[in-house]
C-alpha atoms as a PDB file:
ATOM      1  CA  MET A   1     -35.975 -30.520   2.070  1.00  0.00           C
ATOM      2  CA  TYR A   2     -32.453 -30.313   0.729  1.00  0.00           C
ATOM      3  CA  ASN A   3     -33.476 -27.938  -2.060  1.00  0.00           C
ATOM      4  CA  LYS A   4     -35.376 -25.672   0.344  1.00  0.00           C
ATOM      5  CA  SER A   5     -32.456 -25.494   2.753  1.00  0.00           C
ATOM      6  CA  THR A   6     -30.065 -24.792  -0.111  1.00  0.00           C
ATOM      7  CA  LEU A   7     -32.331 -22.019  -1.407  1.00  0.00           C
ATOM      8  CA  ALA A   8     -32.603 -20.525   2.069  1.00  0.00           C
ATOM      9  CA  GLN A   9     -28.814 -20.568   2.447  1.00  0.00           C
ATOM     10  CA  LYS A  10     -28.420 -18.805  -0.902  1.00  0.00           C
ATOM     11  CA  ILE A  11     -30.962 -16.152   0.062  1.00  0.00           C
ATOM     12  CA  VAL A  12     -29.238 -15.510   3.386  1.00  0.00           C
ATOM     13  CA  THR A  13     -25.861 -15.372   1.637  1.00  0.00           C
ATOM     14  CA  TYR A  14     -27.118 -12.853  -0.913  1.00  0.00           C
ATOM     15  CA  ILE A  15     -28.669 -10.697   1.809  1.00  0.00           C
ATOM     16  CA  VAL A  16     -25.419 -10.673   3.771  1.00  0.00           C
ATOM     17  CA  LEU A  17     -23.421  -9.809   0.644  1.00  0.00           C
ATOM     18  CA  VAL A  18     -25.810  -6.974  -0.217  1.00  0.00           C
ATOM     19  CA  LEU A  19     -25.497  -5.573   3.316  1.00  0.00           C
ATOM     20  CA  ILE A  20     -21.698  -5.764   3.102  1.00  0.00           C
ATOM     21  CA  ALA A  21     -21.810  -4.041  -0.289  1.00  0.00           C
ATOM     22  CA  PHE A  22     -23.950  -1.220   1.142  1.00  0.00           C
ATOM     23  CA  PHE A  23     -21.631  -0.960   4.139  1.00  0.00           C
ATOM     24  CA  ILE A  24     -18.678  -0.424   1.771  1.00  0.00           C
ATOM     25  CA  LEU A  25     -20.305   1.609  -0.987  1.00  0.00           C
ATOM     26  CA  ILE A  26     -22.345   4.112   1.040  1.00  0.00           C
ATOM     27  CA  PRO A  27     -19.281   5.810   2.623  1.00  0.00           C
ATOM     28  CA  ILE A  28     -17.664   5.974  -0.833  1.00  0.00           C
ATOM     29  CA  TRP A  29     -20.847   7.519  -2.252  1.00  0.00           C
ATOM     30  CA  GLU A  30     -20.968  10.022   0.602  1.00  0.00           C
ATOM     31  CA  LEU A  31     -17.348  10.942  -0.106  1.00  0.00           C
ATOM     32  CA  LEU A  32     -18.245  11.615  -3.738  1.00  0.00           C
ATOM     33  CA  TYR A  33     -21.249  13.633  -2.623  1.00  0.00           C
ATOM     34  CA  LEU A  34     -19.087  15.823  -0.406  1.00  0.00           C
ATOM     35  CA  ALA A  35     -16.520  16.252  -3.183  1.00  0.00           C
ATOM     36  CA  PHE A  36     -19.096  17.561  -5.646  1.00  0.00           C
ATOM     37  CA  GLU A  37     -21.032  19.608  -3.087  1.00  0.00           C
ATOM     38  CA  GLY A  38     -20.038  23.261  -3.105  1.00  0.00           C
ATOM     39  CA  GLY A  39     -22.393  24.473  -0.400  1.00  0.00           C
ATOM     40  CA  ILE A  40     -20.988  22.737   2.697  1.00  0.00           C
ATOM     41  CA  TYR A  41     -18.762  24.908   4.879  1.00  0.00           C
ATOM     42  CA  GLY A  42     -19.186  23.185   8.216  1.00  0.00           C
ATOM     43  CA  ARG A  43     -19.297  19.654   9.486  1.00  0.00           C
ATOM     44  CA  PRO A  44     -21.859  17.644   7.460  1.00  0.00           C
ATOM     45  CA  THR A  45     -24.672  16.505   9.745  1.00  0.00           C
ATOM     46  CA  THR A  46     -27.184  14.955   7.340  1.00  0.00           C
ATOM     47  CA  PHE A  47     -26.963  12.182   4.777  1.00  0.00           C
ATOM     48  CA  ARG A  48     -27.877  13.146   1.207  1.00  0.00           C
ATOM     49  CA  TRP A  49     -27.902  11.155  -1.995  1.00  0.00           C
ATOM     50  CA  TRP A  50     -27.295  14.084  -4.357  1.00  0.00           C
ATOM     51  CA  PRO A  51     -25.408  17.372  -4.007  1.00  0.00           C
ATOM     52  CA  ILE A  52     -27.511  20.464  -3.453  1.00  0.00           C
ATOM     53  CA  LYS A  53     -25.101  22.662  -5.396  1.00  0.00           C
ATOM     54  CA  PRO A  54     -23.078  20.320  -7.661  1.00  0.00           C
ATOM     55  CA  THR A  55     -19.852  21.867  -8.868  1.00  0.00           C
ATOM     56  CA  PHE A  56     -16.335  21.050 -10.084  1.00  0.00           C
ATOM     57  CA  ASP A  57     -14.861  24.153  -8.486  1.00  0.00           C
ATOM     58  CA  VAL A  58     -13.658  22.195  -5.460  1.00  0.00           C
ATOM     59  CA  PHE A  59     -11.684  19.831  -7.701  1.00  0.00           C
ATOM     60  CA  LYS A  60     -10.201  22.785  -9.589  1.00  0.00           C
ATOM     61  CA  GLN A  61      -9.194  24.407  -6.327  1.00  0.00           C
ATOM     62  CA  MET A  62      -7.508  21.248  -5.068  1.00  0.00           C
ATOM     63  CA  TRP A  63      -5.805  20.654  -8.430  1.00  0.00           C
ATOM     64  CA  ASN A  64      -4.273  24.126  -8.398  1.00  0.00           C
ATOM     65  CA  GLN A  65      -3.391  24.141  -4.695  1.00  0.00           C
ATOM     66  CA  ALA A  66      -3.610  20.842  -2.832  1.00  0.00           C
ATOM     67  CA  GLY A  67      -1.588  22.189   0.066  1.00  0.00           C
ATOM     68  CA  GLN A  68       0.458  25.143   1.108  1.00  0.00           C
ATOM     69  CA  ASN A  69       2.545  26.248  -1.899  1.00  0.00           C
ATOM     70  CA  ILE A  70       2.104  22.929  -3.695  1.00  0.00           C
ATOM     71  CA  THR A  71      -0.172  21.784  -6.508  1.00  0.00           C
ATOM     72  CA  PHE A  72      -1.893  18.429  -6.761  1.00  0.00           C
ATOM     73  CA  PHE A  73       0.481  17.270  -9.492  1.00  0.00           C
ATOM     74  CA  GLN A  74       3.529  18.117  -7.372  1.00  0.00           C
ATOM     75  CA  ALA A  75       2.117  16.265  -4.354  1.00  0.00           C
ATOM     76  CA  LEU A  76       1.196  13.322  -6.602  1.00  0.00           C
ATOM     77  CA  ARG A  77       4.738  13.248  -7.975  1.00  0.00           C
ATOM     78  CA  ASN A  78       6.149  13.176  -4.435  1.00  0.00           C
ATOM     79  CA  SER A  79       3.759  10.394  -3.440  1.00  0.00           C
ATOM     80  CA  MET A  80       4.606   8.288  -6.473  1.00  0.00           C
ATOM     81  CA  VAL A  81       8.354   8.748  -5.984  1.00  0.00           C
ATOM     82  CA  VAL A  82       8.142   7.745  -2.332  1.00  0.00           C
ATOM     83  CA  SER A  83       5.656   4.863  -2.726  1.00  0.00           C
ATOM     84  CA  LEU A  84       7.244   3.368  -5.851  1.00  0.00           C
ATOM     85  CA  GLY A  85      10.678   3.753  -4.286  1.00  0.00           C
ATOM     86  CA  ALA A  86       9.507   1.935  -1.159  1.00  0.00           C
ATOM     87  CA  ALA A  87       7.989  -0.834  -3.290  1.00  0.00           C
ATOM     88  CA  VAL A  88      11.144  -1.277  -5.394  1.00  0.00           C
ATOM     89  CA  LEU A  89      13.502  -1.278  -2.402  1.00  0.00           C
ATOM     90  CA  SER A  90      11.252  -3.680  -0.487  1.00  0.00           C
ATOM     91  CA  VAL A  91      11.243  -6.103  -3.415  1.00  0.00           C
ATOM     92  CA  ILE A  92      14.971  -5.843  -4.155  1.00  0.00           C
ATOM     93  CA  PHE A  93      16.139  -6.309  -0.571  1.00  0.00           C
ATOM     94  CA  GLY A  94      13.186  -8.387   0.576  1.00  0.00           C
ATOM     95  CA  THR A  95      13.413 -11.123  -2.063  1.00  0.00           C
ATOM     96  CA  SER A  96      17.074 -11.863  -1.406  1.00  0.00           C
ATOM     97  CA  MET A  97      16.514 -11.809   2.353  1.00  0.00           C
ATOM     98  CA  ALA A  98      13.396 -13.987   2.110  1.00  0.00           C
ATOM     99  CA  TYR A  99      15.188 -16.512  -0.124  1.00  0.00           C
ATOM    100  CA  ALA A 100      18.103 -16.686   2.291  1.00  0.00           C
ATOM    101  CA  PHE A 101      15.770 -17.323   5.237  1.00  0.00           C
ATOM    102  CA  ALA A 102      13.843 -19.932   3.248  1.00  0.00           C
ATOM    103  CA  ARG A 103      16.715 -21.962   1.772  1.00  0.00           C
ATOM    104  CA  PHE A 104      19.956 -21.409   3.696  1.00  0.00           C
ATOM    105  CA  ARG A 105      21.180 -22.158   7.180  1.00  0.00           C
ATOM    106  CA  PHE A 106      23.349 -19.577   8.905  1.00  0.00           C
ATOM    107  CA  PRO A 107      24.059 -18.365  12.451  1.00  0.00           C
ATOM    108  CA  GLY A 108      21.406 -16.046  13.832  1.00  0.00           C
ATOM    109  CA  LYS A 109      18.695 -17.191  11.433  1.00  0.00           C
ATOM    110  CA  GLN A 110      16.052 -17.704  14.121  1.00  0.00           C
ATOM    111  CA  VAL A 111      16.995 -14.457  15.826  1.00  0.00           C
ATOM    112  CA  GLY A 112      16.655 -12.637  12.514  1.00  0.00           C
ATOM    113  CA  LEU A 113      13.231 -14.146  11.846  1.00  0.00           C
ATOM    114  CA  PHE A 114      12.103 -13.208  15.342  1.00  0.00           C
ATOM    115  CA  GLY A 115      13.348  -9.677  14.792  1.00  0.00           C
ATOM    116  CA  LEU A 116      11.363  -9.413  11.567  1.00  0.00           C
ATOM    117  CA  LEU A 117       8.282 -10.733  13.357  1.00  0.00           C
ATOM    118  CA  VAL A 118       8.700  -8.120  16.077  1.00  0.00           C
ATOM    119  CA  GLY A 119       9.106  -5.472  13.387  1.00  0.00           C
ATOM    120  CA  THR A 120       5.822  -6.590  11.843  1.00  0.00           C
ATOM    121  CA  LEU A 121       3.963  -6.379  15.147  1.00  0.00           C
ATOM    122  CA  LEU A 122       5.442  -3.131  16.424  1.00  0.00           C
ATOM    123  CA  PRO A 123       3.490   0.074  15.730  1.00  0.00           C
ATOM    124  CA  PRO A 124       5.313   2.519  13.425  1.00  0.00           C
ATOM    125  CA  VAL A 125       5.576   5.103  16.209  1.00  0.00           C
ATOM    126  CA  ALA A 126       7.911   2.737  18.093  1.00  0.00           C
ATOM    127  CA  LEU A 127      10.433   3.107  15.263  1.00  0.00           C
ATOM    128  CA  MET A 128      10.201   6.889  15.162  1.00  0.00           C
ATOM    129  CA  THR A 129      13.249   7.693  17.308  1.00  0.00           C
ATOM    130  CA  PRO A 130      15.765   5.246  15.737  1.00  0.00           C
ATOM    131  CA  LEU A 131      14.633   6.202  12.235  1.00  0.00           C
ATOM    132  CA  PHE A 132      14.960   9.894  13.030  1.00  0.00           C
ATOM    133  CA  LEU A 133      18.483   9.351  14.364  1.00  0.00           C
ATOM    134  CA  LEU A 134      19.379   7.330  11.247  1.00  0.00           C
ATOM    135  CA  ILE A 135      18.025   9.996   8.890  1.00  0.00           C
ATOM    136  CA  ARG A 136      19.832  12.732  10.774  1.00  0.00           C
ATOM    137  CA  THR A 137      23.085  10.749  10.772  1.00  0.00           C
ATOM    138  CA  LEU A 138      22.801  10.334   6.987  1.00  0.00           C
ATOM    139  CA  ASN A 139      22.038  14.071   6.732  1.00  0.00           C
ATOM    140  CA  ILE A 140      19.054  13.575   4.426  1.00  0.00           C
ATOM    141  CA  GLN A 141      16.379  15.272   6.513  1.00  0.00           C
ATOM    142  CA  SER A 142      13.372  16.687   4.681  1.00  0.00           C
ATOM    143  CA  THR A 143      14.012  14.763   1.465  1.00  0.00           C
ATOM    144  CA  LEU A 144      11.994  12.239  -0.470  1.00  0.00           C
ATOM    145  CA  LEU A 145      14.833   9.754   0.004  1.00  0.00           C
ATOM    146  CA  ALA A 146      14.318   9.949   3.773  1.00  0.00           C
ATOM    147  CA  LEU A 147      10.605   9.201   3.399  1.00  0.00           C
ATOM    148  CA  THR A 148      11.394   6.325   1.043  1.00  0.00           C
ATOM    149  CA  ILE A 149      13.762   4.759   3.572  1.00  0.00           C
ATOM    150  CA  VAL A 150      11.226   5.176   6.379  1.00  0.00           C
ATOM    151  CA  TYR A 151       8.370   3.574   4.452  1.00  0.00           C
ATOM    152  CA  THR A 152      10.634   0.789   3.209  1.00  0.00           C
ATOM    153  CA  SER A 153      11.474  -0.066   6.803  1.00  0.00           C
ATOM    154  CA  PHE A 154       7.751  -0.317   7.560  1.00  0.00           C
ATOM    155  CA  ALA A 155       7.031  -2.607   4.613  1.00  0.00           C
ATOM    156  CA  MET A 156      10.098  -4.863   4.729  1.00  0.00           C
ATOM    157  CA  PRO A 157       9.134  -7.168   7.652  1.00  0.00           C
ATOM    158  CA  PHE A 158       5.779  -8.146   6.142  1.00  0.00           C
ATOM    159  CA  GLY A 159       7.306  -8.495   2.691  1.00  0.00           C
ATOM    160  CA  VAL A 160      10.095 -10.784   3.892  1.00  0.00           C
ATOM    161  CA  TRP A 161       7.728 -13.062   5.813  1.00  0.00           C
ATOM    162  CA  ASN A 162       5.277 -13.211   2.906  1.00  0.00           C
ATOM    163  CA  MET A 163       7.929 -13.955   0.275  1.00  0.00           C
ATOM    164  CA  ARG A 164       9.724 -16.413   2.563  1.00  0.00           C
ATOM    165  CA  ALA A 165       6.550 -18.500   2.730  1.00  0.00           C
ATOM    166  CA  ALA A 166       6.331 -18.413  -1.070  1.00  0.00           C
ATOM    167  CA  PHE A 167       9.914 -19.615  -1.509  1.00  0.00           C
ATOM    168  CA  GLN A 168       9.375 -22.377   1.039  1.00  0.00           C
ATOM    169  CA  SER A 169       6.349 -23.653  -0.909  1.00  0.00           C
ATOM    170  CA  ILE A 170       8.446 -24.148  -4.066  1.00  0.00           C
ATOM    171  CA  PRO A 171       9.500 -27.826  -4.350  1.00  0.00           C
ATOM    172  CA  LYS A 172      13.205 -28.332  -3.766  1.00  0.00           C
ATOM    173  CA  GLU A 173      13.210 -30.925  -6.563  1.00  0.00           C
ATOM    174  CA  LEU A 174      12.970 -28.085  -9.093  1.00  0.00           C
ATOM    175  CA  GLU A 175      16.100 -26.486  -7.691  1.00  0.00           C
ATOM    176  CA  GLU A 176      17.909 -29.823  -7.572  1.00  0.00           C
ATOM    177  CA  ALA A 177      17.061 -30.417 -11.233  1.00  0.00           C
ATOM    178  CA  ALA A 178      18.468 -26.997 -12.093  1.00  0.00           C
ATOM    179  CA  PHE A 179      21.634 -27.778 -10.136  1.00  0.00           C
ATOM    180  CA  LEU A 180      22.048 -31.035 -12.073  1.00  0.00           C
ATOM    181  CA  ASP A 181      21.829 -29.055 -15.310  1.00  0.00           C
ATOM    182  CA  GLY A 182      24.724 -26.908 -14.179  1.00  0.00           C
ATOM    183  CA  ALA A 183      22.866 -23.880 -12.821  1.00  0.00           C
ATOM    184  CA  GLY A 184      24.263 -22.132  -9.762  1.00  0.00           C
ATOM    185  CA  ASN A 185      22.423 -20.484  -6.900  1.00  0.00           C
ATOM    186  CA  ILE A 186      21.950 -17.194  -8.749  1.00  0.00           C
ATOM    187  CA  LYS A 187      20.578 -18.778 -11.939  1.00  0.00           C
ATOM    188  CA  THR A 188      18.324 -21.088  -9.951  1.00  0.00           C
ATOM    189  CA  PHE A 189      16.979 -18.165  -7.970  1.00  0.00           C
ATOM    190  CA  TRP A 190      16.465 -16.001 -11.061  1.00  0.00           C
ATOM    191  CA  PHE A 191      14.935 -18.557 -13.438  1.00  0.00           C
ATOM    192  CA  ILE A 192      13.211 -21.011 -11.061  1.00  0.00           C
ATOM    193  CA  ASP A 193      12.309 -19.490  -7.709  1.00  0.00           C
ATOM    194  CA  LEU A 194      11.654 -15.903  -8.689  1.00  0.00           C
ATOM    195  CA  PRO A 195       9.019 -16.588 -11.403  1.00  0.00           C
ATOM    196  CA  LEU A 196       7.131 -19.024  -9.152  1.00  0.00           C
ATOM    197  CA  ALA A 197       7.113 -16.534  -6.251  1.00  0.00           C
ATOM    198  CA  LEU A 198       5.927 -13.577  -8.354  1.00  0.00           C
ATOM    199  CA  PRO A 199       2.393 -13.463  -6.846  1.00  0.00           C
ATOM    200  CA  SER A 200       3.766 -13.080  -3.325  1.00  0.00           C
ATOM    201  CA  ILE A 201       6.360 -10.612  -4.539  1.00  0.00           C
ATOM    202  CA  GLY A 202       3.585  -8.626  -6.197  1.00  0.00           C
ATOM    203  CA  VAL A 203       1.556  -8.588  -2.972  1.00  0.00           C
ATOM    204  CA  ALA A 204       4.593  -7.396  -1.003  1.00  0.00           C
ATOM    205  CA  ALA A 205       5.204  -4.648  -3.565  1.00  0.00           C
ATOM    206  CA  ILE A 206       1.572  -3.507  -3.439  1.00  0.00           C
ATOM    207  CA  VAL A 207       1.604  -3.405   0.365  1.00  0.00           C
ATOM    208  CA  ALA A 208       4.802  -1.337   0.329  1.00  0.00           C
ATOM    209  CA  PHE A 209       3.306   0.955  -2.307  1.00  0.00           C
ATOM    210  CA  LEU A 210       0.149   1.513  -0.250  1.00  0.00           C
ATOM    211  CA  ILE A 211       2.143   2.206   2.909  1.00  0.00           C
ATOM    212  CA  GLY A 212       4.197   4.855   1.156  1.00  0.00           C
ATOM    213  CA  TYR A 213       1.159   6.293  -0.611  1.00  0.00           C
ATOM    214  CA  SER A 214      -1.221   6.549   2.345  1.00  0.00           C
ATOM    215  CA  GLU A 215       0.941   7.123   5.442  1.00  0.00           C
ATOM    216  CA  PHE A 216       1.087  10.695   6.743  1.00  0.00           C
ATOM    217  CA  ALA A 217       1.617  10.742  10.519  1.00  0.00           C
ATOM    218  CA  MET A 218       5.286   9.742  10.416  1.00  0.00           C
ATOM    219  CA  GLY A 219       5.917  11.791   7.290  1.00  0.00           C
ATOM    220  CA  TRP A 220       5.531  15.105   9.112  1.00  0.00           C
ATOM    221  CA  MET A 221       8.491  14.197  11.313  1.00  0.00           C
ATOM    222  CA  PHE A 222      10.862  13.720   8.383  1.00  0.00           C
ATOM    223  CA  VAL A 223       9.618  16.435   6.012  1.00  0.00           C
ATOM    224  CA  THR A 224       9.562  20.114   6.909  1.00  0.00           C
ATOM    225  CA  ARG A 225       9.434  21.791   3.499  1.00  0.00           C
ATOM    226  CA  SER A 226       6.033  22.228   1.868  1.00  0.00           C
ATOM    227  CA  GLU A 227       7.304  21.249  -1.587  1.00  0.00           C
ATOM    228  CA  GLN A 228       8.264  17.791  -0.270  1.00  0.00           C
ATOM    229  CA  VAL A 229       4.909  16.748   1.206  1.00  0.00           C
ATOM    230  CA  THR A 230       2.863  13.869  -0.201  1.00  0.00           C
ATOM    231  CA  LEU A 231      -0.841  13.670  -1.006  1.00  0.00           C
ATOM    232  CA  ALA A 232      -1.672  11.923   2.261  1.00  0.00           C
ATOM    233  CA  MET A 233       0.147  14.653   4.161  1.00  0.00           C
ATOM    234  CA  THR A 234      -1.786  17.377   2.328  1.00  0.00           C
ATOM    235  CA  ILE A 235      -5.100  15.758   3.339  1.00  0.00           C
ATOM    236  CA  SER A 236      -4.020  15.641   6.970  1.00  0.00           C
ATOM    237  CA  GLY A 237      -2.810  19.223   6.578  1.00  0.00           C
ATOM    238  CA  ILE A 238      -6.348  20.337   5.745  1.00  0.00           C
ATOM    239  CA  LEU A 239      -7.530  18.925   9.082  1.00  0.00           C
ATOM    240  CA  ILE A 240      -4.548  20.339  10.971  1.00  0.00           C
ATOM    241  CA  GLN A 241      -5.268  23.820   9.607  1.00  0.00           C
ATOM    242  CA  GLY A 242      -8.811  23.500  10.908  1.00  0.00           C
ATOM    243  CA  SER A 243     -10.500  24.034   7.558  1.00  0.00           C
ATOM    244  CA  SER A 244     -14.277  24.204   7.853  1.00  0.00           C
ATOM    245  CA  GLN A 245     -14.821  23.180   4.240  1.00  0.00           C
ATOM    246  CA  TRP A 246     -15.043  19.396   4.219  1.00  0.00           C
ATOM    247  CA  SER A 247     -15.541  19.381   0.464  1.00  0.00           C
ATOM    248  CA  LEU A 248     -11.854  20.246   0.055  1.00  0.00           C
ATOM    249  CA  MET A 249     -10.750  17.104   1.894  1.00  0.00           C
ATOM    250  CA  ALA A 250     -13.291  14.947   0.069  1.00  0.00           C
ATOM    251  CA  ALA A 251     -12.266  16.219  -3.369  1.00  0.00           C
ATOM    252  CA  LEU A 252      -8.584  15.700  -2.605  1.00  0.00           C
ATOM    253  CA  SER A 253      -9.336  12.174  -1.332  1.00  0.00           C
ATOM    254  CA  VAL A 254     -11.135  11.330  -4.578  1.00  0.00           C
ATOM    255  CA  LEU A 255      -8.256  12.664  -6.664  1.00  0.00           C
ATOM    256  CA  MET A 256      -5.762  10.762  -4.527  1.00  0.00           C
ATOM    257  CA  SER A 257      -7.645   7.468  -4.918  1.00  0.00           C
ATOM    258  CA  ILE A 258      -7.599   7.541  -8.739  1.00  0.00           C
ATOM    259  CA  PRO A 259      -3.924   6.443  -9.163  1.00  0.00           C
ATOM    260  CA  VAL A 260      -4.411   3.592  -6.676  1.00  0.00           C
ATOM    261  CA  VAL A 261      -7.509   2.360  -8.493  1.00  0.00           C
ATOM    262  CA  VAL A 262      -5.646   2.482 -11.810  1.00  0.00           C
ATOM    263  CA  VAL A 263      -2.712   0.508 -10.362  1.00  0.00           C
ATOM    264  CA  PHE A 264      -5.029  -2.194  -9.017  1.00  0.00           C
ATOM    265  CA  ILE A 265      -6.939  -2.445 -12.287  1.00  0.00           C
ATOM    266  CA  VAL A 266      -3.688  -2.817 -14.243  1.00  0.00           C
ATOM    267  CA  LEU A 267      -2.162  -5.394 -11.884  1.00  0.00           C
ATOM    268  CA  GLN A 268      -5.300  -7.342 -11.002  1.00  0.00           C
ATOM    269  CA  LYS A 269      -5.366  -9.536 -14.101  1.00  0.00           C
ATOM    270  CA  THR A 270      -1.630 -10.243 -13.989  1.00  0.00           C
ATOM    271  CA  LEU A 271      -1.661 -11.175 -10.297  1.00  0.00           C
ATOM    272  CA  MET A 272      -4.675 -13.445 -10.704  1.00  0.00           C
ATOM    273  CA  GLU A 273      -3.108 -15.198 -13.683  1.00  0.00           C
ATOM    274  CA  ARG A 274       0.150 -15.727 -11.781  1.00  0.00           C
ATOM    275  CA  MET A 275      -1.677 -17.080  -8.742  1.00  0.00           C
ATOM    276  CA  LEU A 276      -3.729 -19.518 -10.814  1.00  0.00           C
ATOM    277  CA  LEU A 277      -0.642 -20.590 -12.737  1.00  0.00           C
ATOM    278  CA  GLY A 278       1.173 -21.228  -9.484  1.00  0.00           C
ATOM    279  CA  LYS A 279      -1.682 -23.406  -8.225  1.00  0.00           C
ATOM    280  CA  ILE A 280      -1.763 -25.396 -11.461  1.00  0.00           C
ATOM    281  CA  ASN A 281       2.010 -25.936 -11.449  1.00  0.00           C
ATOM    282  CA  GLN A 282       1.898 -27.217  -7.893  1.00  0.00           C
END
């Protein structure tokens, strides 16, 4: 009876996993189909496994002109500058802030944590007006630096809370041992806390990178020149212009996803090793 019930549970589990896999993979396959289909000029109404007129011309068109007066490489460069900048700033400012909230006592600590929590829960549109006023006060409208600051502000609250939890999980005995050996706060943070919190720092950096790489709605408010738009903004621009050729949007989406897939493949092994090492050390 036990073996039969175990076998039945495995079968049900495999069926559920297969259904989930189909649920995830079929839209991706349909996106690839649309990208390689050169004969669709209206809204696609039928599901097909293979393109009727397979072609690379759509990819060539998007590579040469992803948006108005901008090539795919230029939009990719803008996206990478903004997303990597948001990730770096979130890590630099977020780690020090998270460590301070995790280890030190100071006036306004609870108020600051509550403010970060509110910032995590608020929709980005709620921050539109204060961010616009800040960007205009700094006189950096329609620049990649403005977009970087905006996306950093979106990613910082989650990053601080995530990294704060990582610093709190590090045993204080390790820091006390470093203090006994003559290390100060900076050395203890750099050589003890920071290496052990790397998995959480990596997650915060990836989240900030994805926010800067995929967000487009707020970007149109801070960028007015076509040469400053990102890849996500060019995809939304295709819809805004009312283009009837869905293959253009699909091809640009496929091209845009390649750098993200490469980043995850490169960082996956490192993050997993760091997470397992952290579990073993604890």
